[in-house]
């Protein structure tokens, strides 16, 4: 993985209280927040259901490792990403999600911590003493200079000892991307065609490739068990009496601010900046979100769709059920129809650009190829999606002002705010 640090800045949106503007009734805001929480519960519940399906597919793979069961597990992982990515708009504005998210979707990760890597990966890192610890191959590892027993790769060991070991964020030991690496392996194709090519025999106890197939299977199952458990916890937090629901509904103004904070921060600093512009500036395939599976364009699309969902109050569940209800859009339209029209136009334009990117990903080239140096057409497709996200953030800031929400801090990114810092 790239050793470049992802630098963040903050956008501050400050608005003066418009005394002449009518205040919204608390009950109207309460209805919006109630539906916002209902959508969160649905998205996390769908994430849980698809993670449980992934867990079963992993069981089938481990019971009978072959190309068919490996493909089924990979397909289940990709399906599990759809609802989860649409839930990411609940980050940044909701403390319960912010504190929890690093367990399930942290990236990029130094995969040498977990398993074998190609020689091109290198043997050491100035920033991470566990860069090639390979816990699957080693029953004892050193953390902060002390020997640590790694003989049992249990869920408790992964989450309590190995994850972010030594205080290094790149030591990602749990979540979607650890599972992704264990299903696909490294993508050694650079900006050429091809994803990770881990063989099913890496889990075959009778005809094991790359050694330690029993421990690799133990790690994969533990990581999958943790993912299901963590998603179950977050689903419960968004029940009507759950911690996250109570928090967002406690103060209507703060709740509406949370919606916009999530929309603006994910649009600008996180998605447009850290996940897209940084990789485009560096032309680095290691700076793509789902880098082992080449599923990145789908994840970006679903992040953007989640942002739109937070505004419109619409969500289509994995079983096809369509949810609608009182929304932020209703609040904006009641006060300023022109602003609502502008917001919808910007969101739709971004989704159009994301749709073009997905189509290209499915028919022409994957995301890591799109961001390659010298690929003018691919670069332009990604840049147009970035431009849409940046532009819609400007209108999100106008919505903050229009609803008299005071000061709202949105996540920024050096990739957008000061690109020169990326190379320092």
Protein backbone atom coordinates (compact mmCIF):
# COMPACT_ATOMS: atom_id res chain seq x y z
CA UNK A 1 0.00 0.00 0.00
CA UNK A 2 1.02 3.61 -0.46
CA UNK A 3 2.75 5.10 2.57
CA UNK A 4 1.43 8.58 1.77
CA UNK A 5 -0.72 9.94 4.55
CA UNK A 6 -4.26 11.01 3.76
CA UNK A 7 -4.34 14.61 4.96
CA UNK A 8 -7.65 16.15 5.90
CA UNK A 9 -8.75 19.72 6.24
CA UNK A 10 -12.06 21.15 7.34
CA UNK A 11 -14.58 23.26 5.48
CA UNK A 12 -16.49 25.56 7.80
CA UNK A 13 -19.90 26.77 6.74
CA UNK A 14 -21.03 29.71 8.82
CA UNK A 15 -24.38 31.40 8.33
CA UNK A 16 -26.04 34.31 10.01
CA UNK A 17 -29.48 33.74 11.45
CA UNK A 18 -32.07 35.08 9.03
CA UNK A 19 -34.59 36.57 11.42
CA UNK A 20 -37.12 37.30 8.68
CA UNK A 21 -37.32 33.64 7.66
CA UNK A 22 -40.07 31.55 9.22
CA UNK A 23 -38.89 28.87 11.63
CA UNK A 24 -39.80 25.29 10.84
CA UNK A 25 -42.10 23.54 13.25
CA UNK A 26 -40.27 21.07 15.46
CA UNK A 27 -42.82 18.38 14.58
CA UNK A 28 -41.98 18.70 10.88
CA UNK A 29 -38.29 18.37 11.61
CA UNK A 30 -39.08 15.50 13.95
CA UNK A 31 -40.88 13.66 11.15
CA UNK A 32 -37.87 14.10 8.89
CA UNK A 33 -35.49 12.82 11.56
CA UNK A 34 -37.74 9.85 12.34
CA UNK A 35 -37.64 8.78 8.69
CA UNK A 36 -33.89 9.47 8.49
CA UNK A 37 -33.43 7.02 11.38
CA UNK A 38 -35.76 4.50 9.73
CA UNK A 39 -33.64 4.62 6.58
CA UNK A 40 -30.48 4.14 8.63
CA UNK A 41 -31.99 1.08 10.28
CA UNK A 42 -33.01 -0.33 6.89
CA UNK A 43 -29.57 0.24 5.35
CA UNK A 44 -27.70 -1.32 8.24
CA UNK A 45 -30.18 -4.18 8.40
CA UNK A 46 -29.65 -4.79 4.68
CA UNK A 47 -25.90 -4.62 5.29
CA UNK A 48 -26.32 -7.22 8.03
CA UNK A 49 -28.42 -9.54 5.87
CA UNK A 50 -25.92 -9.42 3.01
CA UNK A 51 -23.00 -9.89 5.44
CA UNK A 52 -24.74 -12.99 6.81
CA UNK A 53 -25.06 -14.29 3.24
CA UNK A 54 -21.34 -13.59 2.78
CA UNK A 55 -20.60 -15.48 6.00
CA UNK A 56 -22.49 -18.54 4.69
CA UNK A 57 -20.62 -18.32 1.37
CA UNK A 58 -17.34 -18.23 3.30
CA UNK A 59 -18.42 -21.33 5.23
CA UNK A 60 -19.06 -23.08 1.91
CA UNK A 61 -15.67 -22.00 0.58
CA UNK A 62 -13.84 -23.28 3.64
CA UNK A 63 -15.76 -26.56 3.60
CA UNK A 64 -14.98 -27.20 -0.07
CA UNK A 65 -12.37 -24.82 -1.52
CA UNK A 66 -12.66 -24.64 -5.30
CA UNK A 67 -13.12 -22.06 -8.04
CA UNK A 68 -16.92 -22.22 -7.76
CA UNK A 69 -17.14 -21.65 -4.01
CA UNK A 70 -14.46 -18.94 -4.17
CA UNK A 71 -16.38 -17.09 -6.89
CA UNK A 72 -19.60 -17.39 -4.87
CA UNK A 73 -17.89 -15.88 -1.82
CA UNK A 74 -16.47 -13.05 -3.92
CA UNK A 75 -19.90 -12.38 -5.46
CA UNK A 76 -21.44 -12.30 -1.98
CA UNK A 77 -18.81 -9.77 -0.87
CA UNK A 78 -19.63 -7.48 -3.79
CA UNK A 79 -23.35 -7.71 -3.04
CA UNK A 80 -22.68 -6.91 0.61
CA UNK A 81 -20.96 -3.68 -0.39
CA UNK A 82 -24.09 -2.22 -2.01
CA UNK A 83 -26.22 -1.41 1.06
CA UNK A 84 -23.22 -0.68 3.26
CA UNK A 85 -21.84 1.98 0.93
CA UNK A 86 -25.27 3.61 0.80
CA UNK A 87 -25.15 3.84 4.61
CA UNK A 88 -21.89 5.80 4.68
CA UNK A 89 -23.70 9.13 4.53
CA UNK A 90 -24.51 8.52 8.22
CA UNK A 91 -20.85 9.06 9.03
CA UNK A 92 -19.44 12.41 10.17
CA UNK A 93 -22.69 13.69 11.67
CA UNK A 94 -23.56 10.76 13.95
CA UNK A 95 -21.08 9.97 16.78
CA UNK A 96 -22.20 6.35 17.14
CA UNK A 97 -21.34 5.70 13.48
CA UNK A 98 -18.11 7.73 13.53
CA UNK A 99 -16.76 5.78 16.51
CA UNK A 100 -17.70 2.43 14.96
CA UNK A 101 -16.92 2.81 11.25
CA UNK A 102 -13.19 2.11 11.53
CA UNK A 103 -13.91 -1.48 12.53
CA UNK A 104 -15.80 -2.29 9.34
CA UNK A 105 -14.55 -0.12 6.48
CA UNK A 106 -11.06 1.18 7.34
CA UNK A 107 -8.62 1.47 4.42
CA UNK A 108 -6.07 1.47 2.95
CA UNK A 109 -4.54 -1.49 4.73
CA UNK A 110 -1.00 -2.86 4.89
CA UNK A 111 -1.88 -6.38 3.78
CA UNK A 112 1.54 -7.72 4.78
CA UNK A 113 0.26 -7.57 8.37
CA UNK A 114 -2.24 -10.31 7.55
CA UNK A 115 -0.80 -12.73 4.99
CA UNK A 116 1.87 -13.40 2.40
CA UNK A 117 2.61 -10.67 -0.13
CA UNK A 118 4.60 -10.42 -3.35
CA UNK A 119 8.29 -9.52 -3.16
CA UNK A 120 7.50 -6.20 -4.86
CA UNK A 121 5.65 -5.17 -1.69
CA UNK A 122 8.96 -4.72 0.10
CA UNK A 123 10.12 -5.89 3.50
CA UNK A 124 9.81 -2.89 5.78
CA UNK A 125 8.18 0.46 6.34
CA UNK A 126 9.49 3.42 8.32
CA UNK A 127 5.97 4.03 9.58
CA UNK A 128 4.87 0.48 10.40
CA UNK A 129 6.95 -2.16 12.18
CA UNK A 130 4.19 -4.69 11.39
CA UNK A 131 4.34 -4.00 7.65
CA UNK A 132 5.16 -7.65 6.84
CA UNK A 133 4.31 -9.30 10.17
CA UNK A 134 2.21 -11.92 8.32
CA UNK A 135 0.24 -13.04 11.35
CA UNK A 136 -1.21 -15.97 9.42
CA UNK A 137 2.28 -17.44 9.08
CA UNK A 138 3.55 -16.45 12.51
CA UNK A 139 2.11 -17.55 15.84
CA UNK A 140 4.11 -14.90 17.69
CA UNK A 141 4.50 -11.30 16.54
CA UNK A 142 6.05 -8.23 18.09
CA UNK A 143 3.80 -5.27 18.90
CA UNK A 144 5.47 -2.22 20.44
CA UNK A 145 8.63 -4.30 20.93
CA UNK A 146 6.88 -7.02 22.95
CA UNK A 147 6.16 -10.60 21.89
CA UNK A 148 2.43 -11.21 21.46
CA UNK A 149 0.80 -14.64 21.29
CA UNK A 150 -0.94 -14.95 17.91
CA UNK A 151 -1.50 -18.70 18.06
CA UNK A 152 -5.27 -18.31 17.94
CA UNK A 153 -6.70 -15.96 15.30
CA UNK A 154 -10.00 -15.46 17.09
CA UNK A 155 -12.43 -12.56 16.54
CA UNK A 156 -11.31 -11.20 19.90
CA UNK A 157 -7.63 -11.28 18.89
CA UNK A 158 -8.30 -9.58 15.54
CA UNK A 159 -10.39 -6.79 17.02
CA UNK A 160 -8.74 -6.35 20.39
CA UNK A 161 -5.06 -6.87 19.62
CA UNK A 162 -4.28 -6.81 15.90
CA UNK A 163 -6.56 -4.07 14.55
CA UNK A 164 -4.59 -0.80 14.41
CA UNK A 165 -1.80 -2.52 16.37
CA UNK A 166 0.94 -0.19 17.50
CA UNK A 167 -1.38 2.76 16.93
CA UNK A 168 -0.88 2.48 13.15
CA UNK A 169 -4.09 3.09 11.18
CA UNK A 170 -2.82 1.05 8.22
CA UNK A 171 -2.85 -2.08 10.41
CA UNK A 172 -6.40 -2.85 9.37
CA UNK A 173 -7.17 -6.34 10.62
CA UNK A 174 -10.97 -6.41 10.46
CA UNK A 175 -13.86 -5.38 8.24
CA UNK A 176 -14.77 -5.53 4.57
CA UNK A 177 -11.28 -4.85 3.23
CA UNK A 178 -9.51 -7.48 5.32
CA UNK A 179 -12.06 -9.98 4.02
CA UNK A 180 -11.64 -8.63 0.49
CA UNK A 181 -7.87 -9.21 0.65
CA UNK A 182 -8.38 -12.75 1.94
CA UNK A 183 -10.78 -13.54 -0.91
CA UNK A 184 -8.88 -11.89 -3.76
CA UNK A 185 -5.29 -11.43 -2.62
CA UNK A 186 -3.10 -8.62 -3.88
CA UNK A 187 -3.87 -7.01 -7.22
CA UNK A 188 -0.44 -7.17 -8.83
CA UNK A 189 -1.55 -5.78 -12.18
CA UNK A 190 -0.85 -2.13 -11.40
CA UNK A 191 -2.91 -0.02 -13.77
CA UNK A 192 -3.29 -2.90 -16.19
CA UNK A 193 -6.31 -5.22 -16.48
CA UNK A 194 -6.89 -7.75 -13.73
CA UNK A 195 -7.78 -7.94 -10.04
CA UNK A 196 -6.37 -10.10 -7.23
CA UNK A 197 -5.81 -13.75 -8.15
CA UNK A 198 -5.71 -15.65 -4.87
CA UNK A 199 -6.31 -19.34 -5.63
CA UNK A 200 -9.02 -21.33 -3.84
CA UNK A 201 -6.25 -23.76 -2.87
CA UNK A 202 -5.05 -21.17 -0.33
CA UNK A 203 -7.87 -22.66 1.79
CA UNK A 204 -7.43 -26.30 0.79
CA UNK A 205 -6.15 -28.20 3.84
CA UNK A 206 -5.23 -31.25 1.73
CA UNK A 207 -3.54 -29.46 -1.17
CA UNK A 208 -2.52 -26.18 0.44
CA UNK A 209 -0.83 -23.41 -1.52
CA UNK A 210 1.27 -20.69 0.15
CA UNK A 211 1.19 -22.55 3.48
CA UNK A 212 -0.86 -22.05 6.64
CA UNK A 213 -4.21 -22.78 5.00
CA UNK A 214 -5.72 -23.71 8.36
CA UNK A 215 -4.76 -20.36 9.92
CA UNK A 216 -5.83 -18.45 6.82
CA UNK A 217 -9.24 -20.10 7.06
CA UNK A 218 -9.42 -19.29 10.77
CA UNK A 219 -8.61 -15.65 10.08
CA UNK A 220 -11.17 -15.34 7.29
CA UNK A 221 -13.94 -16.91 9.37
CA UNK A 222 -13.10 -14.72 12.37
CA UNK A 223 -13.14 -11.57 10.24
CA UNK A 224 -16.50 -12.55 8.76
CA UNK A 225 -17.92 -13.33 12.21
CA UNK A 226 -16.80 -9.91 13.42
CA UNK A 227 -18.37 -8.13 10.46
CA UNK A 228 -21.73 -9.74 11.13
CA UNK A 229 -21.49 -8.91 14.83
CA UNK A 230 -20.51 -5.29 14.23
CA UNK A 231 -23.33 -4.75 11.73
CA UNK A 232 -25.80 -6.32 14.14
CA UNK A 233 -24.71 -3.82 16.80
CA UNK A 234 -25.18 -0.84 14.45
CA UNK A 235 -28.56 -2.09 13.26
CA UNK A 236 -29.71 -2.22 16.87
CA UNK A 237 -28.46 1.32 17.47
CA UNK A 238 -30.89 2.58 14.81
CA UNK A 239 -34.02 0.89 16.17
CA UNK A 240 -36.65 3.36 17.48
CA UNK A 241 -35.21 3.07 21.00
CA UNK A 242 -31.61 2.72 19.90
CA UNK A 243 -28.73 4.96 20.93
CA UNK A 244 -28.16 6.51 17.49
CA UNK A 245 -31.86 7.17 16.89
CA UNK A 246 -32.33 8.82 20.28
CA UNK A 247 -29.27 11.00 19.70
CA UNK A 248 -30.36 12.28 16.30
CA UNK A 249 -33.94 12.90 17.42
CA UNK A 250 -33.05 14.63 20.70
CA UNK A 251 -32.44 18.06 19.17
CA UNK A 252 -34.20 18.79 15.84
CA UNK A 253 -31.76 21.47 14.73
CA UNK A 254 -28.75 19.30 15.60
CA UNK A 255 -30.39 16.37 13.84
CA UNK A 256 -30.91 18.29 10.59
CA UNK A 257 -27.33 19.53 10.91
CA UNK A 258 -26.17 15.89 11.20
CA UNK A 259 -27.88 15.02 7.90
CA UNK A 260 -26.15 17.85 6.07
CA UNK A 261 -22.82 17.23 7.78
CA UNK A 262 -22.89 13.65 6.53
CA UNK A 263 -23.92 14.68 3.02
CA UNK A 264 -21.32 17.44 2.71
CA UNK A 265 -18.42 15.60 4.34
CA UNK A 266 -18.91 12.43 2.32
CA UNK A 267 -19.40 14.41 -0.90
CA UNK A 268 -16.36 16.59 -0.50
CA UNK A 269 -13.54 15.50 1.80
CA UNK A 270 -14.11 11.76 1.88
CA UNK A 271 -15.36 10.71 -1.57
CA UNK A 272 -14.28 13.51 -3.92
CA UNK A 273 -11.02 14.05 -2.04
CA UNK A 274 -9.58 11.04 -0.22
CA UNK A 275 -11.13 8.27 -2.29
CA UNK A 276 -11.03 9.81 -5.76
CA UNK A 277 -8.89 12.92 -6.29
CA UNK A 278 -5.90 11.60 -4.34
CA UNK A 279 -5.63 8.50 -6.52
CA UNK A 280 -6.14 10.57 -9.64
CA UNK A 281 -3.39 13.01 -8.66
CA UNK A 282 -0.96 10.18 -7.92
CA UNK A 283 -2.24 7.85 -10.67
CA UNK A 284 -1.79 5.19 -7.99
CA UNK A 285 -3.92 2.01 -8.09
CA UNK A 286 -3.16 1.47 -4.40
CA UNK A 287 -5.29 4.56 -3.69
CA UNK A 288 -8.54 2.95 -4.78
CA UNK A 289 -11.14 1.94 -2.26
CA UNK A 290 -11.83 -1.69 -3.24
CA UNK A 291 -8.36 -2.27 -4.62
CA UNK A 292 -8.16 -6.08 -4.41
CA UNK A 293 -11.50 -6.79 -6.11
CA UNK A 294 -11.61 -3.94 -8.66
CA UNK A 295 -15.08 -3.11 -7.33
CA UNK A 296 -14.26 0.55 -6.63
CA UNK A 297 -16.51 2.16 -9.22
CA UNK A 298 -19.53 0.40 -7.71
CA UNK A 299 -18.63 1.52 -4.19
CA UNK A 300 -18.25 5.14 -5.31
CA UNK A 301 -21.61 4.98 -7.10
CA UNK A 302 -23.37 3.65 -4.01
CA UNK A 303 -21.76 6.28 -1.78
CA UNK A 304 -23.13 8.97 -4.09
CA UNK A 305 -26.54 7.28 -4.16
CA UNK A 306 -26.55 7.28 -0.36
CA UNK A 307 -25.93 11.03 -0.34
CA UNK A 308 -28.91 11.57 -2.61
CA UNK A 309 -31.01 9.25 -0.44
CA UNK A 310 -30.27 11.35 2.66
CA UNK A 311 -31.76 14.35 0.86
CA UNK A 312 -34.79 12.75 -0.82
CA UNK A 313 -35.69 10.20 1.87
CA UNK A 314 -35.87 7.44 -0.78
CA UNK A 315 -34.17 4.05 -0.50
CA UNK A 316 -34.63 0.76 -2.34
CA UNK A 317 -33.95 -2.19 -0.07
CA UNK A 318 -32.10 -5.31 -1.16
CA UNK A 319 -35.42 -7.18 -1.38
CA UNK A 320 -36.77 -4.52 -3.76
CA UNK A 321 -38.96 -2.70 -1.22
CA UNK A 322 -39.00 1.06 -1.86
CA UNK A 323 -38.97 3.36 1.15
CA UNK A 324 -40.11 6.97 1.06
CA UNK A 325 -41.08 9.49 3.71
CA UNK A 326 -40.63 13.02 5.14
CA UNK A 327 -37.26 14.29 3.99
CA UNK A 328 -34.73 17.08 4.08
CA UNK A 329 -35.92 17.87 0.57
CA UNK A 330 -39.38 18.64 1.96
CA UNK A 331 -37.89 21.15 4.41
CA UNK A 332 -35.85 22.86 1.71
CA UNK A 333 -38.68 22.95 -0.84
CA UNK A 334 -41.08 24.44 1.72
CA UNK A 335 -38.71 27.33 2.25
CA UNK A 336 -37.02 27.78 -1.12
CA UNK A 337 -38.24 25.80 -4.14
CA UNK A 338 -35.48 27.21 -6.31
CA UNK A 339 -32.82 25.94 -3.91
CA UNK A 340 -34.43 22.51 -3.81
CA UNK A 341 -34.46 22.41 -7.62
CA UNK A 342 -30.78 23.37 -7.65
CA UNK A 343 -29.91 20.68 -5.10
CA UNK A 344 -31.75 17.96 -7.02
CA UNK A 345 -30.15 19.02 -10.29
CA UNK A 346 -26.68 18.80 -8.74
CA UNK A 347 -27.36 15.40 -7.15
CA UNK A 348 -28.71 14.05 -10.44
CA UNK A 349 -25.73 15.38 -12.37
CA UNK A 350 -23.37 13.60 -9.99
CA UNK A 351 -25.33 10.36 -10.33
CA UNK A 352 -25.19 10.69 -14.13
CA UNK A 353 -21.39 11.00 -13.94
CA UNK A 354 -21.20 8.03 -11.57
CA UNK A 355 -23.38 5.99 -13.92
CA UNK A 356 -21.00 6.72 -16.80
CA UNK A 357 -18.11 5.60 -14.59
CA UNK A 358 -19.89 2.35 -13.68
CA UNK A 359 -20.70 1.61 -17.32
CA UNK A 360 -17.07 2.19 -18.24
CA UNK A 361 -16.02 -0.06 -15.36
CA UNK A 362 -18.24 -2.85 -16.63
CA UNK A 363 -17.52 -2.55 -20.34
CA UNK A 364 -14.16 -0.85 -20.92
CA UNK A 365 -11.76 -0.85 -17.95
CA UNK A 366 -11.72 -1.01 -14.17
CA UNK A 367 -11.23 1.97 -11.87
CA UNK A 368 -7.49 1.45 -11.35
CA UNK A 369 -7.06 1.64 -15.12
CA UNK A 370 -9.22 4.75 -15.34
CA UNK A 371 -6.90 6.68 -13.01
CA UNK A 372 -3.72 5.53 -14.75
CA UNK A 373 -1.24 8.15 -15.92
CA UNK A 374 -1.75 8.99 -19.59
CA UNK A 375 -5.31 7.65 -19.72
CA UNK A 376 -6.94 10.95 -20.66
CA UNK A 377 -10.39 9.52 -21.31
CA UNK A 378 -10.48 7.43 -18.13
CA UNK A 379 -9.09 10.30 -16.06
CA UNK A 380 -11.77 12.59 -17.47
CA UNK A 381 -14.56 10.19 -16.50
CA UNK A 382 -13.33 10.09 -12.91
CA UNK A 383 -12.74 13.85 -12.82
CA UNK A 384 -16.29 14.55 -13.98
CA UNK A 385 -17.64 12.54 -11.05
CA UNK A 386 -15.31 14.45 -8.70
CA UNK A 387 -16.50 17.74 -10.19
CA UNK A 388 -20.10 16.72 -9.59
CA UNK A 389 -19.41 15.91 -5.94
CA UNK A 390 -17.56 19.19 -5.38
CA UNK A 391 -20.30 21.18 -7.09
CA UNK A 392 -23.10 19.54 -5.12
CA UNK A 393 -21.21 20.32 -1.91
CA UNK A 394 -21.48 24.02 -2.74
CA UNK A 395 -25.24 23.67 -2.88
CA UNK A 396 -25.26 21.62 0.32
CA UNK A 397 -23.55 24.63 1.91
CA UNK A 398 -26.29 26.85 0.47
CA UNK A 399 -28.87 24.55 2.05
CA UNK A 400 -27.12 24.93 5.40
CA UNK A 401 -27.41 28.69 5.00
CA UNK A 402 -31.00 28.49 3.80
CA UNK A 403 -32.07 26.49 6.84
CA UNK A 404 -30.28 28.83 9.28
CA UNK A 405 -28.19 26.09 10.87
CA UNK A 406 -25.32 28.26 12.05
CA UNK A 407 -21.77 26.88 11.79
CA UNK A 408 -21.35 23.47 10.19
CA UNK A 409 -17.95 21.81 9.75
CA UNK A 410 -17.51 19.58 6.72
CA UNK A 411 -14.59 17.22 6.10
CA UNK A 412 -12.01 18.64 3.74
CA UNK A 413 -9.07 17.07 1.92
CA UNK A 414 -5.63 18.31 0.90
CA UNK A 415 -6.20 16.58 -2.42
CA UNK A 416 -8.80 19.26 -3.16
CA UNK A 417 -7.79 22.13 -0.89
CA UNK A 418 -4.00 22.12 -1.28
CA UNK A 419 -2.79 19.41 -3.70
CA UNK A 420 0.86 20.43 -3.28
CA UNK A 421 0.77 18.91 0.23
CA UNK A 422 0.01 15.48 -1.20
CA UNK A 423 3.59 15.14 -2.37
CA UNK A 424 5.23 16.33 0.87
